[in-house]
């Protein structure tokens, strides 16, 4: 019996490996591209910092943070509405930060305060020379 593979079998094996290799490299390039502008790192940073600040706050505290870098990254990633960058879920005690069109980074806080909008109904205000996020806590 002839145990040698035919030319067609060898070619098919190589084509399958080539397709898998291309899929792998496309996936790696997508991953590197998402990390290249630092959006994921800054999302984690801001979400963790906000969770820490909320955990350390008391009801009635007003928090003002410099979020200039976050808005610059969001603008580069074509996030149209700056009000969507930061979101707070008071029922789940969760803060989420979205600096790109993909998935947001979310972290939980343990303090039982309710994060609310300020008197103008917004999270973010434009200040000179930077943008500042300002919120107020209330008893849950």
C-alpha atoms as a PDB file:
ATOM      1  CA  UNK A   1       0.000   0.000   0.000  1.00  0.00           C
ATOM      2  CA  UNK A   2       1.103   3.511  -0.725  1.00  0.00           C
ATOM      3  CA  UNK A   3       1.215   5.443   2.570  1.00  0.00           C
ATOM      4  CA  UNK A   4       2.484   8.668   1.079  1.00  0.00           C
ATOM      5  CA  UNK A   5      -0.012  11.518   1.024  1.00  0.00           C
ATOM      6  CA  UNK A   6      -1.118  12.878  -2.256  1.00  0.00           C
ATOM      7  CA  UNK A   7      -0.270  16.393  -3.346  1.00  0.00           C
ATOM      8  CA  UNK A   8      -3.835  17.519  -2.658  1.00  0.00           C
ATOM      9  CA  UNK A   9      -3.732  16.298   0.960  1.00  0.00           C
ATOM     10  CA  UNK A  10      -0.461  18.089   1.692  1.00  0.00           C
ATOM     11  CA  UNK A  11      -1.723  21.284   0.080  1.00  0.00           C
ATOM     12  CA  UNK A  12      -4.996  21.173   2.052  1.00  0.00           C
ATOM     13  CA  UNK A  13      -3.099  20.772   5.337  1.00  0.00           C
ATOM     14  CA  UNK A  14      -0.917  23.764   4.512  1.00  0.00           C
ATOM     15  CA  UNK A  15      -3.927  25.881   3.556  1.00  0.00           C
ATOM     16  CA  UNK A  16      -5.624  25.089   6.871  1.00  0.00           C
ATOM     17  CA  UNK A  17      -2.489  26.039   8.824  1.00  0.00           C
ATOM     18  CA  UNK A  18      -2.127  29.215   6.785  1.00  0.00           C
ATOM     19  CA  UNK A  19      -5.747  30.229   7.492  1.00  0.00           C
ATOM     20  CA  UNK A  20      -5.277  29.566  11.217  1.00  0.00           C
ATOM     21  CA  UNK A  21      -2.067  31.610  11.177  1.00  0.00           C
ATOM     22  CA  UNK A  22      -3.813  34.538   9.480  1.00  0.00           C
ATOM     23  CA  UNK A  23      -6.677  34.421  11.994  1.00  0.00           C
ATOM     24  CA  UNK A  24      -4.168  34.394  14.860  1.00  0.00           C
ATOM     25  CA  UNK A  25      -2.244  37.391  13.496  1.00  0.00           C
ATOM     26  CA  UNK A  26      -5.429  39.374  12.824  1.00  0.00           C
ATOM     27  CA  UNK A  27      -6.535  38.726  16.399  1.00  0.00           C
ATOM     28  CA  UNK A  28      -3.148  39.768  17.768  1.00  0.00           C
ATOM     29  CA  UNK A  29      -3.149  42.962  15.678  1.00  0.00           C
ATOM     30  CA  UNK A  30      -6.647  43.837  16.919  1.00  0.00           C
ATOM     31  CA  UNK A  31      -5.501  43.295  20.521  1.00  0.00           C
ATOM     32  CA  UNK A  32      -2.348  45.384  20.052  1.00  0.00           C
ATOM     33  CA  UNK A  33      -4.323  48.146  18.324  1.00  0.00           C
ATOM     34  CA  UNK A  34      -6.816  48.298  21.202  1.00  0.00           C
ATOM     35  CA  UNK A  35      -3.996  48.600  23.742  1.00  0.00           C
ATOM     36  CA  UNK A  36      -1.901  50.997  21.690  1.00  0.00           C
ATOM     37  CA  UNK A  37      -3.728  54.201  22.576  1.00  0.00           C
ATOM     38  CA  UNK A  38      -3.983  53.212  26.233  1.00  0.00           C
ATOM     39  CA  UNK A  39      -7.768  53.324  26.432  1.00  0.00           C
ATOM     40  CA  UNK A  40      -8.063  50.042  28.345  1.00  0.00           C
ATOM     41  CA  UNK A  41      -5.359  51.015  30.831  1.00  0.00           C
ATOM     42  CA  UNK A  42      -6.895  54.429  31.465  1.00  0.00           C
ATOM     43  CA  UNK A  43     -10.395  52.911  31.769  1.00  0.00           C
ATOM     44  CA  UNK A  44      -9.124  50.619  34.516  1.00  0.00           C
ATOM     45  CA  UNK A  45      -7.265  53.473  36.191  1.00  0.00           C
ATOM     46  CA  UNK A  46     -10.238  55.833  36.312  1.00  0.00           C
ATOM     47  CA  UNK A  47     -12.702  53.105  37.328  1.00  0.00           C
ATOM     48  CA  UNK A  48     -10.464  51.960  40.204  1.00  0.00           C
ATOM     49  CA  UNK A  49      -9.756  55.507  41.358  1.00  0.00           C
ATOM     50  CA  UNK A  50     -13.440  56.439  41.288  1.00  0.00           C
ATOM     51  CA  UNK A  51     -14.345  53.312  43.251  1.00  0.00           C
ATOM     52  CA  UNK A  52     -11.683  54.194  45.865  1.00  0.00           C
ATOM     53  CA  UNK A  53     -12.868  57.791  46.117  1.00  0.00           C
ATOM     54  CA  UNK A  54     -16.497  56.702  46.508  1.00  0.00           C
ATOM     55  CA  UNK A  55     -15.504  54.169  49.182  1.00  0.00           C
ATOM     56  CA  UNK A  56     -13.746  56.925  51.147  1.00  0.00           C
ATOM     57  CA  UNK A  57     -16.532  59.489  50.771  1.00  0.00           C
ATOM     58  CA  UNK A  58     -19.359  60.337  53.142  1.00  0.00           C
ATOM     59  CA  UNK A  59     -22.923  61.355  52.248  1.00  0.00           C
ATOM     60  CA  UNK A  60     -22.948  64.993  51.168  1.00  0.00           C
ATOM     61  CA  UNK A  61     -19.351  65.026  49.904  1.00  0.00           C
ATOM     62  CA  UNK A  62     -18.768  66.737  46.571  1.00  0.00           C
ATOM     63  CA  UNK A  63     -16.042  65.167  44.464  1.00  0.00           C
ATOM     64  CA  UNK A  64     -14.152  66.995  41.720  1.00  0.00           C
ATOM     65  CA  UNK A  65     -11.635  65.073  39.594  1.00  0.00           C
ATOM     66  CA  UNK A  66      -9.418  66.084  36.695  1.00  0.00           C
ATOM     67  CA  UNK A  67     -10.576  63.900  33.792  1.00  0.00           C
ATOM     68  CA  UNK A  68      -8.811  65.761  30.982  1.00  0.00           C
ATOM     69  CA  UNK A  69      -6.818  62.688  29.915  1.00  0.00           C
ATOM     70  CA  UNK A  70      -9.972  60.543  29.849  1.00  0.00           C
ATOM     71  CA  UNK A  71     -11.808  62.993  27.602  1.00  0.00           C
ATOM     72  CA  UNK A  72      -8.826  63.283  25.260  1.00  0.00           C
ATOM     73  CA  UNK A  73      -8.637  59.494  24.865  1.00  0.00           C
ATOM     74  CA  UNK A  74     -12.420  59.235  24.420  1.00  0.00           C
ATOM     75  CA  UNK A  75     -12.320  61.934  21.758  1.00  0.00           C
ATOM     76  CA  UNK A  76      -9.534  60.087  19.885  1.00  0.00           C
ATOM     77  CA  UNK A  77     -11.649  56.922  20.022  1.00  0.00           C
ATOM     78  CA  UNK A  78     -14.706  58.749  18.646  1.00  0.00           C
ATOM     79  CA  UNK A  79     -16.852  58.585  21.790  1.00  0.00           C
ATOM     80  CA  UNK A  80     -19.386  61.233  20.799  1.00  0.00           C
ATOM     81  CA  UNK A  81     -21.013  62.107  24.121  1.00  0.00           C
ATOM     82  CA  UNK A  82     -18.726  62.866  27.064  1.00  0.00           C
ATOM     83  CA  UNK A  83     -21.610  62.202  29.457  1.00  0.00           C
ATOM     84  CA  UNK A  84     -21.352  58.497  28.504  1.00  0.00           C
ATOM     85  CA  UNK A  85     -17.725  58.174  29.624  1.00  0.00           C
ATOM     86  CA  UNK A  86     -18.602  57.675  33.290  1.00  0.00           C
ATOM     87  CA  UNK A  87     -21.662  55.813  34.524  1.00  0.00           C
ATOM     88  CA  UNK A  88     -22.728  54.960  38.061  1.00  0.00           C
ATOM     89  CA  UNK A  89     -25.167  52.220  39.051  1.00  0.00           C
ATOM     90  CA  UNK A  90     -26.294  52.963  42.604  1.00  0.00           C
ATOM     91  CA  UNK A  91     -28.361  49.775  42.894  1.00  0.00           C
ATOM     92  CA  UNK A  92     -25.346  47.556  42.165  1.00  0.00           C
ATOM     93  CA  UNK A  93     -22.745  49.968  43.686  1.00  0.00           C
ATOM     94  CA  UNK A  94     -20.823  49.960  40.432  1.00  0.00           C
ATOM     95  CA  UNK A  95     -18.862  52.576  38.504  1.00  0.00           C
ATOM     96  CA  UNK A  96     -18.115  52.084  34.784  1.00  0.00           C
ATOM     97  CA  UNK A  97     -15.717  53.988  32.537  1.00  0.00           C
ATOM     98  CA  UNK A  98     -15.893  53.796  28.742  1.00  0.00           C
ATOM     99  CA  UNK A  99     -13.114  55.509  26.774  1.00  0.00           C
ATOM    100  CA  UNK A 100     -13.614  53.623  23.515  1.00  0.00           C
ATOM    101  CA  UNK A 101     -16.506  52.235  21.531  1.00  0.00           C
ATOM    102  CA  UNK A 102     -15.926  48.768  23.009  1.00  0.00           C
ATOM    103  CA  UNK A 103     -16.760  47.380  26.427  1.00  0.00           C
ATOM    104  CA  UNK A 104     -16.508  49.563  29.529  1.00  0.00           C
ATOM    105  CA  UNK A 105     -14.348  48.810  32.583  1.00  0.00           C
ATOM    106  CA  UNK A 106     -16.496  48.465  35.704  1.00  0.00           C
ATOM    107  CA  UNK A 107     -15.610  48.209  39.387  1.00  0.00           C
ATOM    108  CA  UNK A 108     -17.730  47.846  42.483  1.00  0.00           C
ATOM    109  CA  UNK A 109     -17.611  50.106  45.518  1.00  0.00           C
ATOM    110  CA  UNK A 110     -18.691  49.088  49.000  1.00  0.00           C
ATOM    111  CA  UNK A 111     -19.795  52.394  50.494  1.00  0.00           C
ATOM    112  CA  UNK A 112     -23.584  52.690  50.717  1.00  0.00           C
ATOM    113  CA  UNK A 113     -23.847  56.172  49.196  1.00  0.00           C
ATOM    114  CA  UNK A 114     -25.862  57.220  46.192  1.00  0.00           C
ATOM    115  CA  UNK A 115     -23.839  59.014  43.517  1.00  0.00           C
ATOM    116  CA  UNK A 116     -26.035  61.722  41.984  1.00  0.00           C
ATOM    117  CA  UNK A 117     -25.805  64.429  39.375  1.00  0.00           C
ATOM    118  CA  UNK A 118     -25.096  67.947  40.537  1.00  0.00           C
ATOM    119  CA  UNK A 119     -27.677  70.743  40.389  1.00  0.00           C
ATOM    120  CA  UNK A 120     -27.270  71.156  36.613  1.00  0.00           C
ATOM    121  CA  UNK A 121     -28.014  67.470  35.988  1.00  0.00           C
ATOM    122  CA  UNK A 122     -24.597  66.620  34.546  1.00  0.00           C
ATOM    123  CA  UNK A 123     -21.594  64.531  35.599  1.00  0.00           C
ATOM    124  CA  UNK A 124     -19.013  66.567  33.760  1.00  0.00           C
ATOM    125  CA  UNK A 125     -18.366  70.289  33.574  1.00  0.00           C
ATOM    126  CA  UNK A 126     -15.931  72.090  31.367  1.00  0.00           C
ATOM    127  CA  UNK A 127     -13.440  74.057  33.379  1.00  0.00           C
ATOM    128  CA  UNK A 128     -10.392  76.083  32.516  1.00  0.00           C
ATOM    129  CA  UNK A 129      -8.016  74.643  31.452  1.00  0.00           C
ATOM    130  CA  UNK A 130      -9.199  71.091  32.114  1.00  0.00           C
ATOM    131  CA  UNK A 131     -12.441  69.135  32.298  1.00  0.00           C
ATOM    132  CA  UNK A 132     -13.540  68.182  35.807  1.00  0.00           C
ATOM    133  CA  UNK A 133     -16.014  65.488  36.830  1.00  0.00           C
ATOM    134  CA  UNK A 134     -18.135  66.534  39.780  1.00  0.00           C
ATOM    135  CA  UNK A 135     -20.718  64.487  41.652  1.00  0.00           C
ATOM    136  CA  UNK A 136     -22.464  64.527  44.997  1.00  0.00           C
ATOM    137  CA  UNK A 137     -23.163  61.661  47.383  1.00  0.00           C
ATOM    138  CA  UNK A 138     -26.379  61.074  49.315  1.00  0.00           C
ATOM    139  CA  UNK A 139     -27.539  58.420  51.741  1.00  0.00           C
ATOM    140  CA  UNK A 140     -28.720  55.318  49.954  1.00  0.00           C
END
